[in-house]
Amino acid sequence: MCMACEEAEMLYRWRILETIAKGEMPPGLTEDDLRAMEMPLPGEVELIEEPDGRVVIRKIAKAAAKRAAAKANAFVCDTPDSE
């Protein structure tokens, strides 16, 4: 791959990663597409702006991801089903 094509591919992947870090699914891609590209899914990474202005994408800890999912689904019944 030539350097221009390689740079274009890196920019494409960065833009996809930025979209994912904002919690959005990139247009035209599915979860299977992202996994095939070895990219995280929305909710697995977050976009953070440091005090000095740098933008950092960090992986979300699994516990934090579970809390975020629990907030999205506010009511969760944890009692077992009785038959």
PDB file of N, CA and C in Angstrom:
ATOM      1  N   MET A   1       0.854  -1.165   0.000  1.00  0.00           N
ATOM      2  CA  MET A   1       0.000   0.000   0.000  1.00  0.00           C
ATOM      3  C   MET A   1       0.908   1.239   0.000  1.00  0.00           C
ATOM      4  N   CYS A   2       0.562   2.213  -0.840  1.00  0.00           N
ATOM      5  CA  CYS A   2       1.379   3.426  -0.901  1.00  0.00           C
ATOM      6  C   CYS A   2       1.121   4.273   0.349  1.00  0.00           C
ATOM      7  N   MET A   3       2.000   5.212   0.618  1.00  0.00           N
ATOM      8  CA  MET A   3       1.883   6.029   1.827  1.00  0.00           C
ATOM      9  C   MET A   3       0.604   6.861   1.832  1.00  0.00           C
ATOM     10  N   ALA A   4       0.183   7.375   0.675  1.00  0.00           N
ATOM     11  CA  ALA A   4      -1.041   8.176   0.619  1.00  0.00           C
ATOM     12  C   ALA A   4      -2.259   7.318   0.961  1.00  0.00           C
ATOM     13  N   CYS A   5      -2.303   6.096   0.437  1.00  0.00           N
ATOM     14  CA  CYS A   5      -3.423   5.195   0.736  1.00  0.00           C
ATOM     15  C   CYS A   5      -3.409   4.787   2.206  1.00  0.00           C
ATOM     16  N   GLU A   6      -2.223   4.551   2.739  1.00  0.00           N
ATOM     17  CA  GLU A   6      -2.091   4.179   4.144  1.00  0.00           C
ATOM     18  C   GLU A   6      -2.556   5.322   5.057  1.00  0.00           C
ATOM     19  N   GLU A   7      -2.186   6.547   4.709  1.00  0.00           N
ATOM     20  CA  GLU A   7      -2.610   7.702   5.486  1.00  0.00           C
ATOM     21  C   GLU A   7      -4.128   7.892   5.404  1.00  0.00           C
ATOM     22  N   ALA A   8      -4.696   7.688   4.229  1.00  0.00           N
ATOM     23  CA  ALA A   8      -6.148   7.806   4.059  1.00  0.00           C
ATOM     24  C   ALA A   8      -6.862   6.736   4.898  1.00  0.00           C
ATOM     25  N   GLU A   9      -6.334   5.541   4.937  1.00  0.00           N
ATOM     26  CA  GLU A   9      -6.917   4.461   5.738  1.00  0.00           C
ATOM     27  C   GLU A   9      -6.858   4.798   7.226  1.00  0.00           C
ATOM     28  N   MET A  10      -5.740   5.352   7.687  1.00  0.00           N
ATOM     29  CA  MET A  10      -5.617   5.737   9.099  1.00  0.00           C
ATOM     30  C   MET A  10      -6.599   6.856   9.445  1.00  0.00           C
ATOM     31  N   LEU A  11      -6.779   7.826   8.561  1.00  0.00           N
ATOM     32  CA  LEU A  11      -7.721   8.914   8.795  1.00  0.00           C
ATOM     33  C   LEU A  11      -9.152   8.373   8.845  1.00  0.00           C
ATOM     34  N   TYR A  12      -9.482   7.445   7.958  1.00  0.00           N
ATOM     35  CA  TYR A  12     -10.806   6.823   7.940  1.00  0.00           C
ATOM     36  C   TYR A  12     -11.078   6.105   9.258  1.00  0.00           C
ATOM     37  N   ARG A  13     -10.097   5.321   9.712  1.00  0.00           N
ATOM     38  CA  ARG A  13     -10.260   4.589  10.972  1.00  0.00           C
ATOM     39  C   ARG A  13     -10.365   5.554  12.152  1.00  0.00           C
ATOM     40  N   TRP A  14      -9.611   6.661  12.143  1.00  0.00           N
ATOM     41  CA  TRP A  14      -9.669   7.650  13.231  1.00  0.00           C
ATOM     42  C   TRP A  14     -11.050   8.285  13.288  1.00  0.00           C
ATOM     43  N   ARG A  15     -11.612   8.627  12.132  1.00  0.00           N
ATOM     44  CA  ARG A  15     -12.945   9.233  12.106  1.00  0.00           C
ATOM     45  C   ARG A  15     -14.003   8.260  12.623  1.00  0.00           C
ATOM     46  N   ILE A  16     -13.866   6.981  12.277  1.00  0.00           N
ATOM     47  CA  ILE A  16     -14.780   5.964  12.796  1.00  0.00           C
ATOM     48  C   ILE A  16     -14.631   5.880  14.312  1.00  0.00           C
ATOM     49  N   LEU A  17     -13.397   5.870  14.801  1.00  0.00           N
ATOM     50  CA  LEU A  17     -13.149   5.779  16.236  1.00  0.00           C
ATOM     51  C   LEU A  17     -13.708   6.997  16.974  1.00  0.00           C
ATOM     52  N   GLU A  18     -13.581   8.178  16.398  1.00  0.00           N
ATOM     53  CA  GLU A  18     -14.166   9.383  17.017  1.00  0.00           C
ATOM     54  C   GLU A  18     -15.683   9.256  17.136  1.00  0.00           C
ATOM     55  N   THR A  19     -16.320   8.769  16.092  1.00  0.00           N
ATOM     56  CA  THR A  19     -17.769   8.591  16.105  1.00  0.00           C
ATOM     57  C   THR A  19     -18.175   7.591  17.182  1.00  0.00           C
ATOM     58  N   ILE A  20     -17.446   6.490  17.276  1.00  0.00           N
ATOM     59  CA  ILE A  20     -17.726   5.463  18.284  1.00  0.00           C
ATOM     60  C   ILE A  20     -17.540   6.033  19.688  1.00  0.00           C
ATOM     61  N   ALA A  21     -16.483   6.811  19.881  1.00  0.00           N
ATOM     62  CA  ALA A  21     -16.192   7.387  21.199  1.00  0.00           C
ATOM     63  C   ALA A  21     -17.272   8.373  21.641  1.00  0.00           C
ATOM     64  N   LYS A  22     -17.996   8.943  20.696  1.00  0.00           N
ATOM     65  CA  LYS A  22     -19.103   9.844  21.023  1.00  0.00           C
ATOM     66  C   LYS A  22     -20.365   9.053  21.346  1.00  0.00           C
ATOM     67  N   GLY A  23     -20.282   7.727  21.255  1.00  0.00           N
ATOM     68  CA  GLY A  23     -21.418   6.871  21.585  1.00  0.00           C
ATOM     69  C   GLY A  23     -22.349   6.616  20.416  1.00  0.00           C
ATOM     70  N   GLU A  24     -21.897   6.915  19.211  1.00  0.00           N
ATOM     71  CA  GLU A  24     -22.726   6.745  18.023  1.00  0.00           C
ATOM     72  C   GLU A  24     -22.194   5.602  17.169  1.00  0.00           C
ATOM     73  N   MET A  25     -23.094   4.967  16.433  1.00  0.00           N
ATOM     74  CA  MET A  25     -22.686   3.939  15.471  1.00  0.00           C
ATOM     75  C   MET A  25     -22.324   4.638  14.170  1.00  0.00           C
ATOM     76  N   PRO A  26     -21.148   4.363  13.611  1.00  0.00           N
ATOM     77  CA  PRO A  26     -20.766   5.007  12.351  1.00  0.00           C
ATOM     78  C   PRO A  26     -21.767   4.663  11.245  1.00  0.00           C
ATOM     79  N   PRO A  27     -22.164   5.647  10.444  1.00  0.00           N
ATOM     80  CA  PRO A  27     -23.135   5.384   9.387  1.00  0.00           C
ATOM     81  C   PRO A  27     -22.610   4.361   8.383  1.00  0.00           C
ATOM     82  N   GLY A  28     -23.477   3.447   8.019  1.00  0.00           N
ATOM     83  CA  GLY A  28     -23.123   2.448   7.014  1.00  0.00           C
ATOM     84  C   GLY A  28     -22.368   1.250   7.546  1.00  0.00           C
ATOM     85  N   LEU A  29     -22.103   1.202   8.851  1.00  0.00           N
ATOM     86  CA  LEU A  29     -21.376   0.074   9.428  1.00  0.00           C
ATOM     87  C   LEU A  29     -22.240  -0.649  10.453  1.00  0.00           C
ATOM     88  N   THR A  30     -22.016  -1.940  10.599  1.00  0.00           N
ATOM     89  CA  THR A  30     -22.726  -2.737  11.596  1.00  0.00           C
ATOM     90  C   THR A  30     -21.742  -3.158  12.681  1.00  0.00           C
ATOM     91  N   GLU A  31     -22.267  -3.772  13.738  1.00  0.00           N
ATOM     92  CA  GLU A  31     -21.394  -4.278  14.804  1.00  0.00           C
ATOM     93  C   GLU A  31     -20.419  -5.305  14.239  1.00  0.00           C
ATOM     94  N   ASP A  32     -20.890  -6.152  13.349  1.00  0.00           N
ATOM     95  CA  ASP A  32     -20.020  -7.160  12.733  1.00  0.00           C
ATOM     96  C   ASP A  32     -18.897  -6.501  11.937  1.00  0.00           C
ATOM     97  N   ASP A  33     -19.223  -5.417  11.227  1.00  0.00           N
ATOM     98  CA  ASP A  33     -18.194  -4.686  10.473  1.00  0.00           C
ATOM     99  C   ASP A  33     -17.119  -4.153  11.412  1.00  0.00           C
ATOM    100  N   LEU A  34     -17.561  -3.561  12.536  1.00  0.00           N
ATOM    101  CA  LEU A  34     -16.599  -2.994  13.487  1.00  0.00           C
ATOM    102  C   LEU A  34     -15.721  -4.080  14.092  1.00  0.00           C
ATOM    103  N   ARG A  35     -16.314  -5.208  14.446  1.00  0.00           N
ATOM    104  CA  ARG A  35     -15.524  -6.315  15.007  1.00  0.00           C
ATOM    105  C   ARG A  35     -14.526  -6.843  13.975  1.00  0.00           C
ATOM    106  N   ALA A  36     -14.942  -6.929  12.710  1.00  0.00           N
ATOM    107  CA  ALA A  36     -14.039  -7.390  11.652  1.00  0.00           C
ATOM    108  C   ALA A  36     -12.867  -6.431  11.469  1.00  0.00           C
ATOM    109  N   MET A  37     -13.109  -5.142  11.724  1.00  0.00           N
ATOM    110  CA  MET A  37     -12.049  -4.140  11.625  1.00  0.00           C
ATOM    111  C   MET A  37     -11.243  -4.035  12.916  1.00  0.00           C
ATOM    112  N   GLU A  38     -11.611  -4.859  13.923  1.00  0.00           N
ATOM    113  CA  GLU A  38     -10.980  -4.840  15.245  1.00  0.00           C
ATOM    114  C   GLU A  38     -11.140  -3.477  15.914  1.00  0.00           C
ATOM    115  N   MET A  39     -12.334  -2.898  15.762  1.00  0.00           N
ATOM    116  CA  MET A  39     -12.669  -1.612  16.375  1.00  0.00           C
ATOM    117  C   MET A  39     -13.621  -1.873  17.534  1.00  0.00           C
ATOM    118  N   PRO A  40     -13.633  -0.995  18.528  1.00  0.00           N
ATOM    119  CA  PRO A  40     -14.586  -1.154  19.637  1.00  0.00           C
ATOM    120  C   PRO A  40     -15.991  -0.762  19.198  1.00  0.00           C
ATOM    121  N   LEU A  41     -16.962  -1.156  20.006  1.00  0.00           N
ATOM    122  CA  LEU A  41     -18.343  -0.760  19.762  1.00  0.00           C
ATOM    123  C   LEU A  41     -18.649   0.488  20.575  1.00  0.00           C
ATOM    124  N   PRO A  42     -19.697   1.238  20.191  1.00  0.00           N
ATOM    125  CA  PRO A  42     -20.087   2.396  21.001  1.00  0.00           C
ATOM    126  C   PRO A  42     -20.344   1.965  22.446  1.00  0.00           C
ATOM    127  N   GLY A  43     -19.826   2.734  23.393  1.00  0.00           N
ATOM    128  CA  GLY A  43     -19.960   2.401  24.806  1.00  0.00           C
ATOM    129  C   GLY A  43     -18.737   1.694  25.367  1.00  0.00           C
ATOM    130  N   GLU A  44     -17.825   1.272  24.503  1.00  0.00           N
ATOM    131  CA  GLU A  44     -16.603   0.612  24.968  1.00  0.00           C
ATOM    132  C   GLU A  44     -15.430   1.580  25.095  1.00  0.00           C
ATOM    133  N   VAL A  45     -15.535   2.752  24.455  1.00  0.00           N
ATOM    134  CA  VAL A  45     -14.509   3.790  24.554  1.00  0.00           C
ATOM    135  C   VAL A  45     -15.205   5.132  24.762  1.00  0.00           C
ATOM    136  N   GLU A  46     -14.463   6.110  25.270  1.00  0.00           N
ATOM    137  CA  GLU A  46     -15.014   7.439  25.481  1.00  0.00           C
ATOM    138  C   GLU A  46     -14.030   8.489  25.011  1.00  0.00           C
ATOM    139  N   LEU A  47     -14.549   9.621  24.602  1.00  0.00           N
ATOM    140  CA  LEU A  47     -13.761  10.747  24.122  1.00  0.00           C
ATOM    141  C   LEU A  47     -13.643  11.750  25.261  1.00  0.00           C
ATOM    142  N   ILE A  48     -12.417  12.045  25.660  1.00  0.00           N
ATOM    143  CA  ILE A  48     -12.172  12.959  26.784  1.00  0.00           C
ATOM    144  C   ILE A  48     -11.277  14.094  26.309  1.00  0.00           C
ATOM    145  N   GLU A  49     -11.649  15.314  26.676  1.00  0.00           N
ATOM    146  CA  GLU A  49     -10.789  16.455  26.374  1.00  0.00           C
ATOM    147  C   GLU A  49     -10.027  16.815  27.635  1.00  0.00           C
ATOM    148  N   GLU A  50      -8.711  16.750  27.549  1.00  0.00           N
ATOM    149  CA  GLU A  50      -7.839  17.061  28.675  1.00  0.00           C
ATOM    150  C   GLU A  50      -7.842  18.571  28.930  1.00  0.00           C
ATOM    151  N   PRO A  51      -7.487  19.000  30.142  1.00  0.00           N
ATOM    152  CA  PRO A  51      -7.446  20.435  30.447  1.00  0.00           C
ATOM    153  C   PRO A  51      -6.537  21.240  29.507  1.00  0.00           C
ATOM    154  N   ASP A  52      -5.502  20.596  28.976  1.00  0.00           N
ATOM    155  CA  ASP A  52      -4.595  21.310  28.075  1.00  0.00           C
ATOM    156  C   ASP A  52      -5.094  21.329  26.626  1.00  0.00           C
ATOM    157  N   GLY A  53      -6.303  20.778  26.377  1.00  0.00           N
ATOM    158  CA  GLY A  53      -6.888  20.828  25.044  1.00  0.00           C
ATOM    159  C   GLY A  53      -6.699  19.571  24.213  1.00  0.00           C
ATOM    160  N   ARG A  54      -5.868  18.635  24.690  1.00  0.00           N
ATOM    161  CA  ARG A  54      -5.681  17.387  23.944  1.00  0.00           C
ATOM    162  C   ARG A  54      -6.956  16.561  23.995  1.00  0.00           C
ATOM    163  N   VAL A  55      -7.231  15.858  22.911  1.00  0.00           N
ATOM    164  CA  VAL A  55      -8.372  14.957  22.863  1.00  0.00           C
ATOM    165  C   VAL A  55      -7.837  13.535  22.977  1.00  0.00           C
ATOM    166  N   VAL A  56      -8.397  12.796  23.935  1.00  0.00           N
ATOM    167  CA  VAL A  56      -7.928  11.439  24.210  1.00  0.00           C
ATOM    168  C   VAL A  56      -9.115  10.493  24.127  1.00  0.00           C
ATOM    169  N   ILE A  57      -8.903   9.347  23.505  1.00  0.00           N
ATOM    170  CA  ILE A  57      -9.924   8.306  23.478  1.00  0.00           C
ATOM    171  C   ILE A  57      -9.445   7.201  24.397  1.00  0.00           C
ATOM    172  N   ARG A  58     -10.272   6.884  25.402  1.00  0.00           N
ATOM    173  CA  ARG A  58      -9.902   5.876  26.401  1.00  0.00           C
ATOM    174  C   ARG A  58     -10.909   4.747  26.427  1.00  0.00           C
ATOM    175  N   LYS A  59     -10.409   3.571  26.726  1.00  0.00           N
ATOM    176  CA  LYS A  59     -11.267   2.413  26.892  1.00  0.00           C
ATOM    177  C   LYS A  59     -12.031   2.561  28.206  1.00  0.00           C
ATOM    178  N   ILE A  60     -13.315   2.243  28.190  1.00  0.00           N
ATOM    179  CA  ILE A  60     -14.142   2.322  29.389  1.00  0.00           C
ATOM    180  C   ILE A  60     -14.008   1.010  30.152  1.00  0.00           C
ATOM    181  N   ALA A  61     -13.804   1.127  31.461  1.00  0.00           N
ATOM    182  CA  ALA A  61     -13.714  -0.067  32.292  1.00  0.00           C
ATOM    183  C   ALA A  61     -15.044  -0.804  32.234  1.00  0.00           C
ATOM    184  N   LYS A  62     -14.999  -2.127  32.336  1.00  0.00           N
ATOM    185  CA  LYS A  62     -16.214  -2.926  32.224  1.00  0.00           C
ATOM    186  C   LYS A  62     -17.247  -2.548  33.278  1.00  0.00           C
ATOM    187  N   ALA A  63     -16.838  -2.239  34.491  1.00  0.00           N
ATOM    188  CA  ALA A  63     -17.778  -1.860  35.543  1.00  0.00           C
ATOM    189  C   ALA A  63     -18.481  -0.561  35.168  1.00  0.00           C
ATOM    190  N   ALA A  64     -17.732   0.386  34.624  1.00  0.00           N
ATOM    191  CA  ALA A  64     -18.327   1.655  34.208  1.00  0.00           C
ATOM    192  C   ALA A  64     -19.284   1.438  33.042  1.00  0.00           C
ATOM    193  N   ALA A  65     -18.934   0.540  32.143  1.00  0.00           N
ATOM    194  CA  ALA A  65     -19.803   0.237  31.008  1.00  0.00           C
ATOM    195  C   ALA A  65     -21.102  -0.397  31.491  1.00  0.00           C
ATOM    196  N   LYS A  66     -21.008  -1.262  32.498  1.00  0.00           N
ATOM    197  CA  LYS A  66     -22.218  -1.881  33.048  1.00  0.00           C
ATOM    198  C   LYS A  66     -23.097  -0.839  33.724  1.00  0.00           C
ATOM    199  N   ARG A  67     -22.483   0.114  34.438  1.00  0.00           N
ATOM    200  CA  ARG A  67     -23.253   1.182  35.074  1.00  0.00           C
ATOM    201  C   ARG A  67     -23.940   2.037  34.023  1.00  0.00           C
ATOM    202  N   ALA A  68     -23.238   2.327  32.931  1.00  0.00           N
ATOM    203  CA  ALA A  68     -23.827   3.125  31.850  1.00  0.00           C
ATOM    204  C   ALA A  68     -25.007   2.380  31.233  1.00  0.00           C
ATOM    205  N   ALA A  69     -24.872   1.077  31.060  1.00  0.00           N
ATOM    206  CA  ALA A  69     -25.971   0.282  30.512  1.00  0.00           C
ATOM    207  C   ALA A  69     -27.130   0.236  31.497  1.00  0.00           C
ATOM    208  N   ALA A  70     -26.832   0.160  32.783  1.00  0.00           N
ATOM    209  CA  ALA A  70     -27.885   0.132  33.801  1.00  0.00           C
ATOM    210  C   ALA A  70     -28.644   1.456  33.824  1.00  0.00           C
ATOM    211  N   LYS A  71     -27.928   2.566  33.625  1.00  0.00           N
ATOM    212  CA  LYS A  71     -28.593   3.863  33.579  1.00  0.00           C
ATOM    213  C   LYS A  71     -29.519   3.948  32.372  1.00  0.00           C
ATOM    214  N   ALA A  72     -29.081   3.385  31.262  1.00  0.00           N
ATOM    215  CA  ALA A  72     -29.903   3.412  30.055  1.00  0.00           C
ATOM    216  C   ALA A  72     -31.179   2.600  30.263  1.00  0.00           C
ATOM    217  N   ASN A  73     -31.082   1.528  31.044  1.00  0.00           N
ATOM    218  CA  ASN A  73     -32.228   0.686  31.338  1.00  0.00           C
ATOM    219  C   ASN A  73     -32.542   0.881  32.818  1.00  0.00           C
ATOM    220  N   ALA A  74     -33.188   1.987  33.160  1.00  0.00           N
ATOM    221  CA  ALA A  74     -33.365   2.411  34.546  1.00  0.00           C
ATOM    222  C   ALA A  74     -34.003   1.354  35.440  1.00  0.00           C
ATOM    223  N   PHE A  75     -35.036   0.678  34.970  1.00  0.00           N
ATOM    224  CA  PHE A  75     -35.696  -0.318  35.812  1.00  0.00           C
ATOM    225  C   PHE A  75     -35.231  -1.708  35.427  1.00  0.00           C
ATOM    226  N   VAL A  76     -34.609  -2.383  36.367  1.00  0.00           N
ATOM    227  CA  VAL A  76     -34.180  -3.752  36.153  1.00  0.00           C
ATOM    228  C   VAL A  76     -34.664  -4.566  37.332  1.00  0.00           C
ATOM    229  N   CYS A  77     -35.502  -5.558  37.068  1.00  0.00           N
ATOM    230  CA  CYS A  77     -36.023  -6.413  38.115  1.00  0.00           C
ATOM    231  C   CYS A  77     -35.035  -7.552  38.344  1.00  0.00           C
ATOM    232  N   ASP A  78     -34.558  -7.676  39.579  1.00  0.00           N
ATOM    233  CA  ASP A  78     -33.569  -8.717  39.881  1.00  0.00           C
ATOM    234  C   ASP A  78     -34.150  -9.891  40.648  1.00  0.00           C
ATOM    235  N   THR A  79     -35.477  -9.932  40.787  1.00  0.00           N
ATOM    236  CA  THR A  79     -36.073 -11.081  41.480  1.00  0.00           C
ATOM    237  C   THR A  79     -36.270 -12.211  40.497  1.00  0.00           C
ATOM    238  N   PRO A  80     -36.043 -13.431  40.953  1.00  0.00           N
ATOM    239  CA  PRO A  80     -36.195 -14.572  40.028  1.00  0.00           C
ATOM    240  C   PRO A  80     -37.670 -14.769  39.660  1.00  0.00           C
ATOM    241  N   ASP A  81     -37.868 -15.280  38.479  1.00  0.00           N
ATOM    242  CA  ASP A  81     -39.236 -15.583  38.038  1.00  0.00           C
ATOM    243  C   ASP A  81     -39.788 -16.727  38.860  1.00  0.00           C
ATOM    244  N   SER A  82     -40.994 -16.582  39.350  1.00  0.00           N
ATOM    245  CA  SER A  82     -41.624 -17.663  40.094  1.00  0.00           C
ATOM    246  C   SER A  82     -42.687 -18.300  39.201  1.00  0.00           C
ATOM    247  N   GLU A  83     -42.680 -19.598  39.219  1.00  0.00           N
ATOM    248  CA  GLU A  83     -43.622 -20.317  38.372  1.00  0.00           C
ATOM    249  C   GLU A  83     -44.657 -21.004  39.192  1.00  0.00           C
TER     250      GLU A  83
END
